Amino acid sequence: MLCTDLGVRVPGDKGASMHLMSITSAFAAVGHDVQLIGVAGHEAPPSTFSSALAETHLLAHPGRSEGLQRELNKLSFVEHVLEHCSPALQRFDPHVIYERLSLFGSAGRQLVETLPGTRHVLEVNALLAEEDAAWRGLHLAELATTVERSVLTDADLAVAVSAEVARKIRAAAPDAHCTVVENGAEVERFRHLPGRAEARRHLALPPEATIAAFIGALRPWHGVDIAINAVARTPLVHLAVAGDGPVRADLHDLANTLGVLDRVHFLGQRGHDDVVTCLAAADMALAPYPAIDGFSFSPLKLYEYLAAGTPVIASAIGQISAVLGNGRFGTLVPAGDTDALAAAMLRVPLDRACAERADLGRDHALTHHGWDDRARRIAELVEAADAMA
């Protein structure tokens, strides 16, 4: 397992960190010897995580930076990994290097060239050169795009997390060998939930209110501003926001401007266990994405919402409709439609059919959306690729 993305630390509270640790643990759980090379978090990983792996090599983060320096740090970190981890990788002699695609991330391709017979499998959550250029701006955009297309083309297998990502891969790198394996959830965390009253006491949420929850990073494309505008149109409904990010201050100001700050509860960044508690406390869970051209996310939150059995209200965009069974497991609203979201937030907590859909979605998620299932599927695809080589 290899990840050179400086934004994905081990451990870390971001969804990407949870994803990396979850799929790494899953490969070990289904019987594979796993060596992890990645970016160190602010503390040591849990012993239960590290002890399940054959080896763990976590390199120090170079420090936060912005603009061109951020991009140069990412390039330097790839070289740092090659210099410091190549000997350990040579000794481990893996059958597969499974790498999470990162901006300027060519380490996996370079390492596999030194290991005859080793396969390079690239997990693709998004085309990051395109994503960063659109949302952050890139000084080295041409280089980022060139590296990304090259590693996608050269990889033995690119595993996209959604059909939409797969289409983007095929457009950017027509010769890439690409398949789709959706994201999942740590379903075992959700098998035993705290009671609603207990969960609300733990989070200091009002005990009798109707509460909608949002779990995740606070970034422009997550649509929390749409949810806050919907709260302004739904008297008595509260919104619990578990997460942090660059637009938190803007969201706080929006809630204040709309006069709903007393009904929007910013809970801050929460650990993995508190995600379960937040969802147990809620009457409904939101994925209120705006109408984004080329939407290709496979939101971890959606699988967690389902596993918790919390009624889901989500934008009908990209992969989300399929994950919710086109409405069989939750309520779909047009992306970016504040009025439709507000109407659903009033209806869902009172609708027995929505509760039944949530129960059905929970059963489906606990059975079919665990990370162990995803790890087995990826291993099968790698074996199939080997057989065809």
Protein backbone atom coordinates (compact mmCIF):
# COMPACT_ATOMS: atom_id res chain seq x y z
CA MET A 1 0.00 0.00 0.00
CA LEU A 2 1.44 3.33 -1.06
CA CYS A 3 0.19 6.90 -0.66
CA THR A 4 2.34 9.98 -1.21
CA ASP A 5 -0.53 12.49 -0.88
CA LEU A 6 0.50 14.97 1.80
CA GLY A 7 -3.17 15.60 2.59
CA VAL A 8 -3.76 11.95 3.51
CA ARG A 9 -2.05 11.26 6.83
CA VAL A 10 -1.95 8.06 8.84
CA PRO A 11 -3.75 8.42 11.13
CA GLY A 12 -6.01 11.32 10.23
CA ASP A 13 -9.63 12.41 10.62
CA LYS A 14 -10.19 13.33 6.97
CA GLY A 15 -12.30 10.98 4.88
CA ALA A 16 -9.32 10.22 2.63
CA SER A 17 -7.25 9.11 5.62
CA MET A 18 -10.10 6.94 6.88
CA HIS A 19 -10.39 5.46 3.40
CA LEU A 20 -6.67 4.65 3.15
CA MET A 21 -6.56 3.04 6.59
CA SER A 22 -9.78 1.12 5.98
CA ILE A 23 -8.79 -0.46 2.67
CA THR A 24 -5.29 -1.18 4.02
CA SER A 25 -6.78 -2.97 7.04
CA ALA A 26 -9.20 -4.81 4.78
CA PHE A 27 -6.45 -6.26 2.60
CA ALA A 28 -4.79 -7.58 5.76
CA ALA A 29 -8.10 -8.89 7.13
CA VAL A 30 -8.78 -10.99 4.03
CA GLY A 31 -5.40 -12.68 4.26
CA HIS A 32 -2.78 -10.58 2.49
CA ASP A 33 0.61 -9.53 3.88
CA VAL A 34 0.53 -5.74 3.75
CA GLN A 35 3.31 -3.17 3.87
CA LEU A 36 2.13 0.45 4.17
CA ILE A 37 4.17 3.44 2.98
CA GLY A 38 2.57 6.81 3.63
CA VAL A 39 2.54 10.17 5.40
CA ALA A 40 2.74 10.24 9.20
CA GLY A 41 -0.10 11.82 11.13
CA HIS A 42 0.17 13.91 14.28
CA GLU A 43 0.22 10.78 16.43
CA ALA A 44 0.99 7.10 16.08
CA PRO A 45 -1.61 4.88 14.40
CA PRO A 46 -3.74 2.70 16.69
CA SER A 47 -1.90 -0.45 17.71
CA THR A 48 -4.75 -2.57 16.37
CA PHE A 49 -4.11 -1.04 12.95
CA SER A 50 -0.32 -1.35 12.92
CA SER A 51 -0.24 -4.85 14.40
CA ALA A 52 -2.38 -6.20 11.56
CA LEU A 53 0.20 -5.11 8.97
CA ALA A 54 3.48 -6.75 8.08
CA GLU A 55 5.32 -3.40 7.97
CA THR A 56 4.50 0.30 8.33
CA HIS A 57 6.73 3.09 7.01
CA LEU A 58 5.33 6.57 7.72
CA LEU A 59 7.42 9.55 6.67
CA ALA A 60 7.22 12.96 8.33
CA HIS A 61 5.05 15.62 6.72
CA PRO A 62 7.20 18.52 5.42
CA GLY A 63 4.83 21.15 6.86
CA ARG A 64 1.83 23.03 5.57
CA SER A 65 2.36 25.31 2.56
CA GLU A 66 0.32 27.07 -0.12
CA GLY A 67 0.60 27.95 -3.79
CA LEU A 68 3.69 26.96 -5.74
CA GLN A 69 5.52 25.81 -2.59
CA ARG A 70 2.74 23.32 -1.87
CA GLU A 71 3.22 21.77 -5.32
CA LEU A 72 7.01 21.70 -4.98
CA ASN A 73 6.64 19.97 -1.60
CA LYS A 74 4.51 17.28 -3.20
CA LEU A 75 7.12 16.69 -5.89
CA SER A 76 9.88 16.56 -3.29
CA PHE A 77 7.97 14.11 -1.14
CA VAL A 78 7.76 11.63 -4.01
CA GLU A 79 11.57 11.72 -4.25
CA HIS A 80 11.80 11.42 -0.47
CA VAL A 81 9.71 8.25 -0.56
CA LEU A 82 11.84 6.78 -3.35
CA GLU A 83 15.04 7.51 -1.43
CA HIS A 84 13.95 6.28 1.99
CA CYS A 85 11.53 3.43 1.25
CA SER A 86 13.04 1.65 -1.76
CA PRO A 87 15.25 -0.67 0.37
CA ALA A 88 12.33 -1.73 2.56
CA LEU A 89 10.20 -2.34 -0.50
CA GLN A 90 12.92 -4.40 -2.14
CA ARG A 91 13.15 -6.60 0.96
CA PHE A 92 9.38 -6.99 1.15
CA ASP A 93 9.23 -7.90 -2.58
CA PRO A 94 5.49 -7.39 -3.06
CA HIS A 95 3.35 -9.03 -5.71
CA VAL A 96 1.38 -5.78 -6.03
CA ILE A 97 2.01 -2.11 -5.31
CA TYR A 98 -1.44 -0.69 -4.61
CA GLU A 99 -1.16 3.10 -4.78
CA ARG A 100 -3.68 5.83 -4.08
CA LEU A 101 -3.39 8.31 -6.96
CA SER A 102 -1.99 11.62 -5.74
CA LEU A 103 -0.99 14.89 -7.35
CA PHE A 104 2.44 14.42 -9.01
CA GLY A 105 2.35 10.85 -7.66
CA SER A 106 4.81 8.85 -9.73
CA ALA A 107 6.40 6.87 -6.89
CA GLY A 108 4.51 3.65 -7.56
CA ARG A 109 5.41 3.59 -11.21
CA GLN A 110 9.07 4.24 -10.45
CA LEU A 111 9.22 1.64 -7.69
CA VAL A 112 7.56 -1.09 -9.73
CA GLU A 113 10.23 -0.67 -12.41
CA THR A 114 12.79 -1.97 -9.88
CA LEU A 115 10.69 -5.03 -8.96
CA PRO A 116 10.37 -7.53 -11.84
CA GLY A 117 7.00 -9.26 -11.81
CA THR A 118 5.34 -6.76 -9.44
CA ARG A 119 2.02 -5.30 -10.55
CA HIS A 120 1.11 -1.63 -10.16
CA VAL A 121 -2.54 -1.04 -9.22
CA LEU A 122 -3.68 2.57 -9.02
CA GLU A 123 -6.71 3.54 -6.93
CA VAL A 124 -8.34 6.62 -8.46
CA ASN A 125 -10.74 8.69 -6.37
CA ALA A 126 -10.55 11.66 -8.73
CA LEU A 127 -8.35 13.03 -11.49
CA LEU A 128 -6.45 15.31 -9.17
CA ALA A 129 -4.75 17.50 -11.76
CA GLU A 130 -8.20 18.48 -13.05
CA GLU A 131 -9.71 18.77 -9.55
CA ASP A 132 -6.92 20.91 -8.08
CA ALA A 133 -6.81 23.15 -11.13
CA ALA A 134 -10.56 23.74 -10.84
CA TRP A 135 -10.83 24.30 -7.07
CA ARG A 136 -7.38 25.51 -5.94
CA GLY A 137 -5.52 26.62 -9.05
CA LEU A 138 -2.25 24.97 -10.06
CA HIS A 139 1.04 26.64 -10.92
CA LEU A 140 2.41 23.40 -12.40
CA ALA A 141 -0.81 22.27 -14.06
CA GLU A 142 0.83 21.01 -17.25
CA LEU A 143 3.33 18.88 -15.32
CA ALA A 144 0.60 17.53 -13.02
CA THR A 145 -1.54 16.52 -16.00
CA THR A 146 1.38 14.90 -17.82
CA VAL A 147 2.41 12.84 -14.78
CA GLU A 148 -1.17 11.80 -14.08
CA ARG A 149 -1.87 10.64 -17.63
CA SER A 150 1.42 8.80 -17.74
CA VAL A 151 0.88 6.82 -14.51
CA LEU A 152 -2.70 5.99 -15.51
CA THR A 153 -1.51 4.66 -18.86
CA ASP A 154 1.36 2.64 -17.40
CA ALA A 155 -0.48 1.09 -14.44
CA ASP A 156 -1.42 -2.57 -14.77
CA LEU A 157 -4.87 -1.69 -13.44
CA ALA A 158 -6.62 1.57 -12.53
CA VAL A 159 -9.40 1.07 -9.98
CA ALA A 160 -11.89 3.94 -10.23
CA VAL A 161 -14.32 4.54 -7.35
CA SER A 162 -17.19 5.43 -9.67
CA ALA A 163 -18.28 4.98 -13.27
CA GLU A 164 -17.94 8.73 -13.68
CA VAL A 165 -14.28 8.63 -12.60
CA ALA A 166 -13.71 5.70 -14.95
CA ARG A 167 -15.07 7.72 -17.87
CA LYS A 168 -12.70 10.55 -17.03
CA ILE A 169 -9.76 8.12 -16.87
CA ARG A 170 -10.60 6.71 -20.30
CA ALA A 171 -10.90 10.21 -21.74
CA ALA A 172 -7.57 11.34 -20.25
CA ALA A 173 -5.66 8.10 -20.83
CA PRO A 174 -7.37 6.00 -23.54
CA ASP A 175 -4.90 3.13 -23.14
CA ALA A 176 -5.46 2.77 -19.39
CA HIS A 177 -6.72 -0.58 -18.07
CA CYS A 178 -9.62 0.61 -15.94
CA THR A 179 -12.32 -0.96 -13.76
CA VAL A 180 -14.75 0.29 -11.10
CA VAL A 181 -14.90 -0.69 -7.43
CA GLU A 182 -17.03 1.67 -5.34
CA ASN A 183 -16.09 2.95 -1.91
CA GLY A 184 -17.45 1.40 1.26
CA ALA A 185 -17.74 1.81 5.02
CA GLU A 186 -16.28 0.32 8.17
CA VAL A 187 -19.55 -1.49 8.69
CA GLU A 188 -18.52 -3.15 11.97
CA ARG A 189 -18.49 0.29 13.59
CA PHE A 190 -22.19 0.66 12.80
CA ARG A 191 -23.55 -2.70 13.98
CA HIS A 192 -24.08 -1.44 17.53
CA LEU A 193 -25.33 2.14 17.78
CA PRO A 194 -25.84 4.30 20.89
CA GLY A 195 -29.37 5.40 21.68
CA ARG A 196 -30.50 8.75 20.32
CA ALA A 197 -30.83 10.38 23.75
CA GLU A 198 -27.36 9.19 24.78
CA ALA A 199 -25.85 10.37 21.49
CA ARG A 200 -27.39 13.82 21.81
CA ARG A 201 -26.17 14.21 25.38
CA HIS A 202 -22.65 13.29 24.25
CA LEU A 203 -22.72 15.92 21.49
CA ALA A 204 -24.63 18.56 23.53
CA LEU A 205 -27.43 18.63 20.94
CA PRO A 206 -31.00 19.61 21.88
CA PRO A 207 -32.78 16.48 23.13
CA GLU A 208 -36.18 17.05 21.50
CA ALA A 209 -35.28 18.85 18.27
CA THR A 210 -35.59 17.47 14.75
CA ILE A 211 -31.95 17.19 13.66
CA ALA A 212 -30.38 16.75 10.24
CA ALA A 213 -26.70 15.74 10.18
CA PHE A 214 -23.90 16.44 7.75
CA ILE A 215 -20.64 14.52 8.14
CA GLY A 216 -17.54 15.53 6.22
CA ALA A 217 -15.03 18.17 5.24
CA LEU A 218 -16.35 21.71 4.82
CA ARG A 219 -15.44 22.46 1.24
CA PRO A 220 -17.34 24.43 -1.41
CA TRP A 221 -18.44 21.38 -3.40
CA HIS A 222 -20.11 19.62 -0.44
CA GLY A 223 -23.15 21.88 -0.45
CA VAL A 224 -23.39 22.67 3.27
CA ASP A 225 -24.40 26.22 2.29
CA ILE A 226 -27.42 24.70 0.53
CA ALA A 227 -28.29 22.81 3.71
CA ILE A 228 -28.06 25.98 5.82
CA ASN A 229 -30.32 27.82 3.38
CA ALA A 230 -32.75 24.92 3.64
CA VAL A 231 -32.71 25.18 7.45
CA ALA A 232 -33.77 28.81 7.06
CA ARG A 233 -36.88 27.56 5.23
CA THR A 234 -37.71 24.79 7.72
CA PRO A 235 -38.72 26.21 11.11
CA LEU A 236 -37.69 24.03 14.07
CA VAL A 237 -35.29 21.82 12.06
CA HIS A 238 -31.70 21.87 13.34
CA LEU A 239 -28.50 21.03 11.43
CA ALA A 240 -25.53 19.29 13.10
CA VAL A 241 -22.33 19.74 11.10
CA ALA A 242 -19.54 17.31 12.02
CA GLY A 243 -16.41 18.36 10.20
CA ASP A 244 -14.07 21.23 9.51
CA GLY A 245 -12.51 22.85 6.49
CA PRO A 246 -11.71 26.04 4.62
CA VAL A 247 -15.31 27.31 4.31
CA ARG A 248 -16.31 26.87 7.96
CA ALA A 249 -16.11 30.61 8.71
CA ASP A 250 -18.18 31.40 5.61
CA LEU A 251 -20.81 28.85 6.65
CA HIS A 252 -20.93 30.28 10.17
CA ASP A 253 -21.44 33.78 8.72
CA LEU A 254 -24.17 32.48 6.40
CA ALA A 255 -26.06 30.89 9.29
CA ASN A 256 -25.72 34.11 11.26
CA THR A 257 -26.92 36.25 8.34
CA LEU A 258 -29.95 34.00 7.81
CA GLY A 259 -30.81 34.13 11.51
CA VAL A 260 -30.44 30.38 12.05
CA LEU A 261 -27.16 30.23 13.95
CA ASP A 262 -29.04 28.92 16.99
CA ARG A 263 -30.19 25.94 14.88
CA VAL A 264 -26.88 25.16 13.13
CA HIS A 265 -24.51 23.27 15.42
CA PHE A 266 -20.88 23.25 14.29
CA LEU A 267 -19.44 20.22 16.07
CA GLY A 268 -15.94 20.53 14.63
CA GLN A 269 -13.72 17.73 13.36
CA ARG A 270 -14.77 14.44 14.92
CA GLY A 271 -13.01 11.12 15.34
CA HIS A 272 -14.24 7.95 13.70
CA ASP A 273 -16.22 6.80 16.73
CA ASP A 274 -18.03 10.12 16.95
CA VAL A 275 -19.21 9.76 13.35
CA VAL A 276 -21.33 6.84 14.58
CA THR A 277 -22.59 8.94 17.49
CA CYS A 278 -23.48 11.88 15.22
CA LEU A 279 -25.55 9.68 12.96
CA ALA A 280 -27.24 7.96 15.89
CA ALA A 281 -28.24 11.41 17.18
CA ALA A 282 -29.82 12.50 13.89
CA ASP A 283 -33.30 12.15 12.41
CA MET A 284 -31.84 12.34 8.90
CA ALA A 285 -28.47 12.67 7.18
CA LEU A 286 -27.70 14.99 4.27
CA ALA A 287 -25.50 14.79 1.18
CA PRO A 288 -26.66 18.10 -0.37
CA TYR A 289 -24.26 18.38 -3.32
CA PRO A 290 -24.71 21.29 -5.74
CA ALA A 291 -25.18 20.76 -9.47
CA ILE A 292 -21.54 20.22 -10.48
CA ASP A 293 -20.59 19.51 -14.09
CA GLY A 294 -18.73 16.22 -14.30
CA PHE A 295 -19.62 15.16 -10.72
CA SER A 296 -17.69 11.96 -10.08
CA PHE A 297 -17.37 11.55 -6.30
CA SER A 298 -18.02 8.31 -4.43
CA PRO A 299 -18.84 9.85 -1.03
CA LEU A 300 -17.75 7.79 1.97
CA LYS A 301 -20.39 9.61 4.02
CA LEU A 302 -23.15 8.07 1.94
CA TYR A 303 -22.13 4.51 2.82
CA GLU A 304 -21.78 5.50 6.48
CA TYR A 305 -25.22 7.11 6.50
CA LEU A 306 -26.68 3.90 5.10
CA ALA A 307 -24.80 1.66 7.55
CA ALA A 308 -26.10 3.74 10.47
CA GLY A 309 -29.70 3.35 9.31
CA THR A 310 -30.22 7.11 9.38
CA PRO A 311 -32.74 8.25 6.74
CA VAL A 312 -30.72 9.77 3.89
CA ILE A 313 -31.55 12.84 1.82
CA ALA A 314 -29.09 13.27 -1.03
CA SER A 315 -28.66 15.06 -4.33
CA ALA A 316 -29.58 12.97 -7.36
CA ILE A 317 -26.24 13.36 -9.11
CA GLY A 318 -23.51 11.03 -10.30
CA GLN A 319 -23.12 7.75 -8.45
CA ILE A 320 -25.36 8.82 -5.56
CA SER A 321 -28.61 7.80 -7.24
CA ALA A 322 -27.33 4.27 -7.85
CA VAL A 323 -25.96 3.87 -4.30
CA LEU A 324 -29.38 4.82 -2.96
CA GLY A 325 -31.00 2.28 -5.26
CA ASN A 326 -32.64 5.12 -7.22
CA GLY A 327 -34.68 5.97 -4.13
CA ARG A 328 -35.09 2.48 -2.69
CA PHE A 329 -32.72 3.22 0.22
CA GLY A 330 -33.20 6.97 0.66
CA THR A 331 -34.68 10.21 -0.62
CA LEU A 332 -33.25 11.87 -3.72
CA VAL A 333 -33.65 15.57 -4.52
CA PRO A 334 -32.43 17.61 -7.50
CA ALA A 335 -28.84 18.74 -6.99
CA GLY A 336 -28.62 22.32 -5.76
CA ASP A 337 -32.40 22.69 -5.25
CA THR A 338 -32.77 24.34 -1.84
CA ASP A 339 -36.58 24.25 -1.89
CA ALA A 340 -36.64 20.52 -2.67
CA LEU A 341 -34.11 19.83 0.09
CA ALA A 342 -36.12 21.88 2.60
CA ALA A 343 -39.34 20.07 1.68
CA ALA A 344 -37.63 16.70 2.13
CA MET A 345 -36.21 17.77 5.51
CA LEU A 346 -39.76 18.51 6.69
CA ARG A 347 -41.24 15.29 5.25
CA VAL A 348 -38.66 12.58 5.93
CA PRO A 349 -38.67 12.54 9.76
CA LEU A 350 -42.46 12.08 9.76
CA ASP A 351 -42.73 9.53 6.95
CA ARG A 352 -42.78 5.88 8.05
CA ALA A 353 -41.90 4.81 4.50
CA CYS A 354 -38.63 6.78 4.78
CA ALA A 355 -37.77 4.96 8.02
CA GLU A 356 -38.46 1.64 6.31
CA ARG A 357 -36.20 2.61 3.40
CA ALA A 358 -33.49 3.50 5.90
CA ASP A 359 -33.80 0.08 7.57
CA LEU A 360 -33.58 -1.59 4.18
CA GLY A 361 -30.53 0.52 3.28
CA ARG A 362 -28.83 -0.37 6.56
CA ASP A 363 -29.29 -4.09 5.95
CA HIS A 364 -27.95 -3.69 2.41
CA ALA A 365 -24.94 -1.64 3.52
CA LEU A 366 -23.97 -3.95 6.36
CA THR A 367 -24.12 -6.91 3.98
CA HIS A 368 -22.65 -5.48 0.78
CA HIS A 369 -20.66 -2.29 1.48
CA GLY A 370 -17.92 -3.41 3.89
CA TRP A 371 -14.28 -2.73 3.06
CA ASP A 372 -13.45 -6.45 3.26
CA ASP A 373 -15.79 -7.03 0.33
CA ARG A 374 -14.05 -4.27 -1.61
CA ALA A 375 -10.59 -5.74 -0.85
CA ARG A 376 -11.65 -9.20 -2.04
CA ARG A 377 -13.07 -7.72 -5.24
CA ILE A 378 -9.88 -5.79 -6.00
CA ALA A 379 -7.75 -8.89 -5.34
CA GLU A 380 -9.94 -10.88 -7.73
CA LEU A 381 -9.49 -8.24 -10.42
CA VAL A 382 -5.71 -8.25 -9.97
CA GLU A 383 -5.65 -12.06 -10.26
CA ALA A 384 -7.76 -11.85 -13.41
CA ALA A 385 -5.35 -9.29 -14.87
CA ASP A 386 -2.45 -11.62 -14.03
CA ALA A 387 -4.16 -14.49 -15.81
CA MET A 388 -4.64 -12.41 -18.94
CA ALA A 389 -1.06 -11.11 -19.00
